[in-house]
Amino acid sequence: MKTNACRTAQFSPLCDEEIQTTRGGIAPLLLAIVAGATVAASAQIFRDWENFKAGLAGRPPVN
């Protein structure tokens, strides 16, 4: 276990296993990124709904 220069009576360093458990791995980060991208894409489609429908139908964009 690595020691920390900032050790006080209230805090002690965590071992590697405790750090991994505390952080939760990479899955929550990826889930947050995917959720954010989904919300952003949905907002963009909603904002430009008429052009989105025109594009799906193969028509030129509505100005």
PDB file of N, CA and C in Angstrom:
ATOM      1  N   MET A   1       0.847  -1.172   0.000  1.00  0.00           N
ATOM      2  CA  MET A   1       0.000   0.000   0.000  1.00  0.00           C
ATOM      3  C   MET A   1       0.890   1.232   0.000  1.00  0.00           C
ATOM      4  N   LYS A   2       0.582   2.171  -0.872  1.00  0.00           N
ATOM      5  CA  LYS A   2       1.342   3.411  -0.953  1.00  0.00           C
ATOM      6  C   LYS A   2       0.910   4.356   0.161  1.00  0.00           C
ATOM      7  N   THR A   3       1.871   5.127   0.656  1.00  0.00           N
ATOM      8  CA  THR A   3       1.527   6.102   1.682  1.00  0.00           C
ATOM      9  C   THR A   3       1.362   7.464   1.046  1.00  0.00           C
ATOM     10  N   ASN A   4       0.585   8.286   1.689  1.00  0.00           N
ATOM     11  CA  ASN A   4       0.295   9.621   1.184  1.00  0.00           C
ATOM     12  C   ASN A   4       0.962  10.642   2.096  1.00  0.00           C
ATOM     13  N   ALA A   5       1.579  11.675   1.509  1.00  0.00           N
ATOM     14  CA  ALA A   5       2.240  12.707   2.297  1.00  0.00           C
ATOM     15  C   ALA A   5       1.233  13.524   3.098  1.00  0.00           C
ATOM     16  N   CYS A   6      -0.033  13.488   2.726  1.00  0.00           N
ATOM     17  CA  CYS A   6      -1.059  14.294   3.393  1.00  0.00           C
ATOM     18  C   CYS A   6      -1.787  13.497   4.473  1.00  0.00           C
ATOM     19  N   ARG A   7      -1.192  12.470   4.998  1.00  0.00           N
ATOM     20  CA  ARG A   7      -1.853  11.630   5.995  1.00  0.00           C
ATOM     21  C   ARG A   7      -2.113  12.437   7.265  1.00  0.00           C
ATOM     22  N   THR A   8      -3.328  12.340   7.756  1.00  0.00           N
ATOM     23  CA  THR A   8      -3.693  12.993   9.012  1.00  0.00           C
ATOM     24  C   THR A   8      -4.330  11.957   9.915  1.00  0.00           C
ATOM     25  N   ALA A   9      -4.719  12.377  11.074  1.00  0.00           N
ATOM     26  CA  ALA A   9      -5.365  11.460  12.006  1.00  0.00           C
ATOM     27  C   ALA A   9      -6.747  11.045  11.508  1.00  0.00           C
ATOM     28  N   GLN A  10      -7.367  11.862  10.665  1.00  0.00           N
ATOM     29  CA  GLN A  10      -8.720  11.570  10.199  1.00  0.00           C
ATOM     30  C   GLN A  10      -8.740  10.738   8.924  1.00  0.00           C
ATOM     31  N   PHE A  11      -7.697  10.819   8.118  1.00  0.00           N
ATOM     32  CA  PHE A  11      -7.692  10.154   6.821  1.00  0.00           C
ATOM     33  C   PHE A  11      -6.517   9.195   6.722  1.00  0.00           C
ATOM     34  N   SER A  12      -6.738   8.087   6.060  1.00  0.00           N
ATOM     35  CA  SER A  12      -5.646   7.165   5.758  1.00  0.00           C
ATOM     36  C   SER A  12      -5.802   6.742   4.307  1.00  0.00           C
ATOM     37  N   PRO A  13      -4.717   6.437   3.624  1.00  0.00           N
ATOM     38  CA  PRO A  13      -4.807   6.091   2.208  1.00  0.00           C
ATOM     39  C   PRO A  13      -5.559   4.776   1.999  1.00  0.00           C
ATOM     40  N   LEU A  14      -6.207   4.670   0.855  1.00  0.00           N
ATOM     41  CA  LEU A  14      -6.935   3.458   0.501  1.00  0.00           C
ATOM     42  C   LEU A  14      -6.015   2.520  -0.264  1.00  0.00           C
ATOM     43  N   CYS A  15      -6.229   1.232  -0.112  1.00  0.00           N
ATOM     44  CA  CYS A  15      -5.473   0.281  -0.918  1.00  0.00           C
ATOM     45  C   CYS A  15      -6.075   0.270  -2.327  1.00  0.00           C
ATOM     46  N   ASP A  16      -5.377  -0.367  -3.258  1.00  0.00           N
ATOM     47  CA  ASP A  16      -5.815  -0.368  -4.657  1.00  0.00           C
ATOM     48  C   ASP A  16      -7.209  -0.968  -4.833  1.00  0.00           C
ATOM     49  N   GLU A  17      -7.518  -2.022  -4.102  1.00  0.00           N
ATOM     50  CA  GLU A  17      -8.839  -2.647  -4.215  1.00  0.00           C
ATOM     51  C   GLU A  17      -9.940  -1.705  -3.737  1.00  0.00           C
ATOM     52  N   GLU A  18      -9.686  -0.976  -2.666  1.00  0.00           N
ATOM     53  CA  GLU A  18     -10.677  -0.027  -2.159  1.00  0.00           C
ATOM     54  C   GLU A  18     -10.885   1.126  -3.134  1.00  0.00           C
ATOM     55  N   ILE A  19      -9.820   1.564  -3.776  1.00  0.00           N
ATOM     56  CA  ILE A  19      -9.934   2.651  -4.752  1.00  0.00           C
ATOM     57  C   ILE A  19     -10.796   2.207  -5.925  1.00  0.00           C
ATOM     58  N   GLN A  20     -10.557   1.010  -6.448  1.00  0.00           N
ATOM     59  CA  GLN A  20     -11.337   0.504  -7.570  1.00  0.00           C
ATOM     60  C   GLN A  20     -12.803   0.358  -7.184  1.00  0.00           C
ATOM     61  N   THR A  21     -13.079  -0.126  -5.987  1.00  0.00           N
ATOM     62  CA  THR A  21     -14.454  -0.271  -5.516  1.00  0.00           C
ATOM     63  C   THR A  21     -15.118   1.085  -5.361  1.00  0.00           C
ATOM     64  N   THR A  22     -14.388   2.060  -4.845  1.00  0.00           N
ATOM     65  CA  THR A  22     -14.932   3.400  -4.639  1.00  0.00           C
ATOM     66  C   THR A  22     -15.235   4.077  -5.962  1.00  0.00           C
ATOM     67  N   ARG A  23     -14.360   3.952  -6.917  1.00  0.00           N
ATOM     68  CA  ARG A  23     -14.545   4.602  -8.217  1.00  0.00           C
ATOM     69  C   ARG A  23     -15.606   3.916  -9.056  1.00  0.00           C
ATOM     70  N   GLY A  24     -15.788   2.633  -8.883  1.00  0.00           N
ATOM     71  CA  GLY A  24     -16.823   1.922  -9.609  1.00  0.00           C
ATOM     72  C   GLY A  24     -16.422   1.472 -10.994  1.00  0.00           C
ATOM     73  N   GLY A  25     -15.175   1.617 -11.369  1.00  0.00           N
ATOM     74  CA  GLY A  25     -14.719   1.186 -12.679  1.00  0.00           C
ATOM     75  C   GLY A  25     -15.054   2.196 -13.757  1.00  0.00           C
ATOM     76  N   ILE A  26     -14.993   1.748 -15.001  1.00  0.00           N
ATOM     77  CA  ILE A  26     -15.182   2.635 -16.155  1.00  0.00           C
ATOM     78  C   ILE A  26     -16.643   2.676 -16.607  1.00  0.00           C
ATOM     79  N   ALA A  27     -17.447   1.691 -16.240  1.00  0.00           N
ATOM     80  CA  ALA A  27     -18.830   1.601 -16.718  1.00  0.00           C
ATOM     81  C   ALA A  27     -19.677   2.831 -16.387  1.00  0.00           C
ATOM     82  N   PRO A  28     -19.657   3.375 -15.173  1.00  0.00           N
ATOM     83  CA  PRO A  28     -20.477   4.562 -14.898  1.00  0.00           C
ATOM     84  C   PRO A  28     -20.080   5.766 -15.743  1.00  0.00           C
ATOM     85  N   LEU A  29     -18.796   5.909 -16.017  1.00  0.00           N
ATOM     86  CA  LEU A  29     -18.339   7.016 -16.857  1.00  0.00           C
ATOM     87  C   LEU A  29     -18.851   6.853 -18.281  1.00  0.00           C
ATOM     88  N   LEU A  30     -18.726   5.659 -18.836  1.00  0.00           N
ATOM     89  CA  LEU A  30     -19.221   5.419 -20.192  1.00  0.00           C
ATOM     90  C   LEU A  30     -20.734   5.586 -20.267  1.00  0.00           C
ATOM     91  N   LEU A  31     -21.430   5.145 -19.253  1.00  0.00           N
ATOM     92  CA  LEU A  31     -22.885   5.302 -19.222  1.00  0.00           C
ATOM     93  C   LEU A  31     -23.268   6.777 -19.209  1.00  0.00           C
ATOM     94  N   ALA A  32     -22.553   7.576 -18.441  1.00  0.00           N
ATOM     95  CA  ALA A  32     -22.832   9.015 -18.387  1.00  0.00           C
ATOM     96  C   ALA A  32     -22.560   9.674 -19.734  1.00  0.00           C
ATOM     97  N   ILE A  33     -21.492   9.278 -20.420  1.00  0.00           N
ATOM     98  CA  ILE A  33     -21.166   9.844 -21.732  1.00  0.00           C
ATOM     99  C   ILE A  33     -22.233   9.472 -22.756  1.00  0.00           C
ATOM    100  N   VAL A  34     -22.631   8.211 -22.780  1.00  0.00           N
ATOM    101  CA  VAL A  34     -23.667   7.763 -23.723  1.00  0.00           C
ATOM    102  C   VAL A  34     -24.996   8.454 -23.432  1.00  0.00           C
ATOM    103  N   ALA A  35     -25.350   8.594 -22.172  1.00  0.00           N
ATOM    104  CA  ALA A  35     -26.599   9.269 -21.812  1.00  0.00           C
ATOM    105  C   ALA A  35     -26.563  10.732 -22.236  1.00  0.00           C
ATOM    106  N   GLY A  36     -25.449  11.395 -22.023  1.00  0.00           N
ATOM    107  CA  GLY A  36     -25.315  12.794 -22.435  1.00  0.00           C
ATOM    108  C   GLY A  36     -25.412  12.962 -23.938  1.00  0.00           C
ATOM    109  N   ALA A  37     -24.763  12.070 -24.680  1.00  0.00           N
ATOM    110  CA  ALA A  37     -24.825  12.136 -26.142  1.00  0.00           C
ATOM    111  C   ALA A  37     -26.245  11.876 -26.643  1.00  0.00           C
ATOM    112  N   THR A  38     -26.954  10.968 -25.999  1.00  0.00           N
ATOM    113  CA  THR A  38     -28.339  10.676 -26.382  1.00  0.00           C
ATOM    114  C   THR A  38     -29.241  11.878 -26.137  1.00  0.00           C
ATOM    115  N   VAL A  39     -29.084  12.518 -25.011  1.00  0.00           N
ATOM    116  CA  VAL A  39     -29.882  13.712 -24.701  1.00  0.00           C
ATOM    117  C   VAL A  39     -29.570  14.831 -25.684  1.00  0.00           C
ATOM    118  N   ALA A  40     -28.293  15.031 -25.994  1.00  0.00           N
ATOM    119  CA  ALA A  40     -27.908  16.092 -26.932  1.00  0.00           C
ATOM    120  C   ALA A  40     -28.460  15.825 -28.329  1.00  0.00           C
ATOM    121  N   ALA A  41     -28.373  14.579 -28.793  1.00  0.00           N
ATOM    122  CA  ALA A  41     -28.897  14.238 -30.116  1.00  0.00           C
ATOM    123  C   ALA A  41     -30.414  14.391 -30.158  1.00  0.00           C
ATOM    124  N   SER A  42     -31.090  13.968 -29.109  1.00  0.00           N
ATOM    125  CA  SER A  42     -32.549  14.108 -29.059  1.00  0.00           C
ATOM    126  C   SER A  42     -32.963  15.574 -29.066  1.00  0.00           C
ATOM    127  N   ALA A  43     -32.238  16.404 -28.347  1.00  0.00           N
ATOM    128  CA  ALA A  43     -32.552  17.835 -28.316  1.00  0.00           C
ATOM    129  C   ALA A  43     -32.349  18.467 -29.685  1.00  0.00           C
ATOM    130  N   GLN A  44     -31.296  18.069 -30.386  1.00  0.00           N
ATOM    131  CA  GLN A  44     -31.038  18.623 -31.719  1.00  0.00           C
ATOM    132  C   GLN A  44     -32.127  18.201 -32.705  1.00  0.00           C
ATOM    133  N   ILE A  45     -32.546  16.954 -32.657  1.00  0.00           N
ATOM    134  CA  ILE A  45     -33.619  16.479 -33.538  1.00  0.00           C
ATOM    135  C   ILE A  45     -34.915  17.212 -33.224  1.00  0.00           C
ATOM    136  N   PHE A  46     -35.237  17.369 -31.955  1.00  0.00           N
ATOM    137  CA  PHE A  46     -36.464  18.064 -31.565  1.00  0.00           C
ATOM    138  C   PHE A  46     -36.436  19.520 -32.020  1.00  0.00           C
ATOM    139  N   ARG A  47     -35.278  20.170 -31.910  1.00  0.00           N
ATOM    140  CA  ARG A  47     -35.142  21.579 -32.280  1.00  0.00           C
ATOM    141  C   ARG A  47     -35.344  21.781 -33.789  1.00  0.00           C
ATOM    142  N   ASP A  48     -34.965  20.789 -34.591  1.00  0.00           N
ATOM    143  CA  ASP A  48     -35.028  20.923 -36.047  1.00  0.00           C
ATOM    144  C   ASP A  48     -35.923  19.823 -36.628  1.00  0.00           C
ATOM    145  N   TRP A  49     -37.094  19.641 -36.022  1.00  0.00           N
ATOM    146  CA  TRP A  49     -37.961  18.523 -36.346  1.00  0.00           C
ATOM    147  C   TRP A  49     -38.400  18.510 -37.804  1.00  0.00           C
ATOM    148  N   GLU A  50     -38.753  19.652 -38.373  1.00  0.00           N
ATOM    149  CA  GLU A  50     -39.234  19.684 -39.764  1.00  0.00           C
ATOM    150  C   GLU A  50     -38.149  19.230 -40.738  1.00  0.00           C
ATOM    151  N   ASN A  51     -36.919  19.680 -40.548  1.00  0.00           N
ATOM    152  CA  ASN A  51     -35.831  19.236 -41.419  1.00  0.00           C
ATOM    153  C   ASN A  51     -35.513  17.758 -41.201  1.00  0.00           C
ATOM    154  N   PHE A  52     -35.655  17.285 -39.987  1.00  0.00           N
ATOM    155  CA  PHE A  52     -35.434  15.866 -39.707  1.00  0.00           C
ATOM    156  C   PHE A  52     -36.445  15.014 -40.474  1.00  0.00           C
ATOM    157  N   LYS A  53     -37.726  15.399 -40.421  1.00  0.00           N
ATOM    158  CA  LYS A  53     -38.753  14.657 -41.158  1.00  0.00           C
ATOM    159  C   LYS A  53     -38.510  14.733 -42.658  1.00  0.00           C
ATOM    160  N   ALA A  54     -38.113  15.914 -43.153  1.00  0.00           N
ATOM    161  CA  ALA A  54     -37.845  16.061 -44.581  1.00  0.00           C
ATOM    162  C   ALA A  54     -36.676  15.170 -44.999  1.00  0.00           C
ATOM    163  N   GLY A  55     -35.649  15.101 -44.185  1.00  0.00           N
ATOM    164  CA  GLY A  55     -34.501  14.253 -44.502  1.00  0.00           C
ATOM    165  C   GLY A  55     -34.863  12.783 -44.530  1.00  0.00           C
ATOM    166  N   LEU A  56     -35.712  12.344 -43.609  1.00  0.00           N
ATOM    167  CA  LEU A  56     -36.144  10.948 -43.607  1.00  0.00           C
ATOM    168  C   LEU A  56     -36.967  10.618 -44.845  1.00  0.00           C
ATOM    169  N   ALA A  57     -37.717  11.599 -45.334  1.00  0.00           N
ATOM    170  CA  ALA A  57     -38.555  11.386 -46.514  1.00  0.00           C
ATOM    171  C   ALA A  57     -37.782  11.586 -47.810  1.00  0.00           C
ATOM    172  N   GLY A  58     -36.529  12.033 -47.734  1.00  0.00           N
ATOM    173  CA  GLY A  58     -35.725  12.233 -48.934  1.00  0.00           C
ATOM    174  C   GLY A  58     -35.982  13.556 -49.620  1.00  0.00           C
ATOM    175  N   ARG A  59     -36.621  14.491 -48.929  1.00  0.00           N
ATOM    176  CA  ARG A  59     -36.885  15.813 -49.495  1.00  0.00           C
ATOM    177  C   ARG A  59     -35.779  16.778 -49.096  1.00  0.00           C
ATOM    178  N   PRO A  60     -35.659  17.910 -49.800  1.00  0.00           N
ATOM    179  CA  PRO A  60     -34.647  18.909 -49.427  1.00  0.00           C
ATOM    180  C   PRO A  60     -35.007  19.573 -48.095  1.00  0.00           C
ATOM    181  N   PRO A  61     -34.022  20.170 -47.429  1.00  0.00           N
ATOM    182  CA  PRO A  61     -34.279  20.818 -46.141  1.00  0.00           C
ATOM    183  C   PRO A  61     -35.300  21.945 -46.246  1.00  0.00           C
ATOM    184  N   VAL A  62     -36.052  22.121 -45.178  1.00  0.00           N
ATOM    185  CA  VAL A  62     -37.026  23.200 -45.082  1.00  0.00           C
ATOM    186  C   VAL A  62     -36.297  24.419 -44.545  1.00  0.00           C
ATOM    187  N   ASN A  63     -36.463  25.551 -45.219  1.00  0.00           N
ATOM    188  CA  ASN A  63     -35.785  26.772 -44.748  1.00  0.00           C
ATOM    189  C   ASN A  63     -36.677  27.586 -43.914  1.00  0.00           C
TER     190      ASN A  63
END
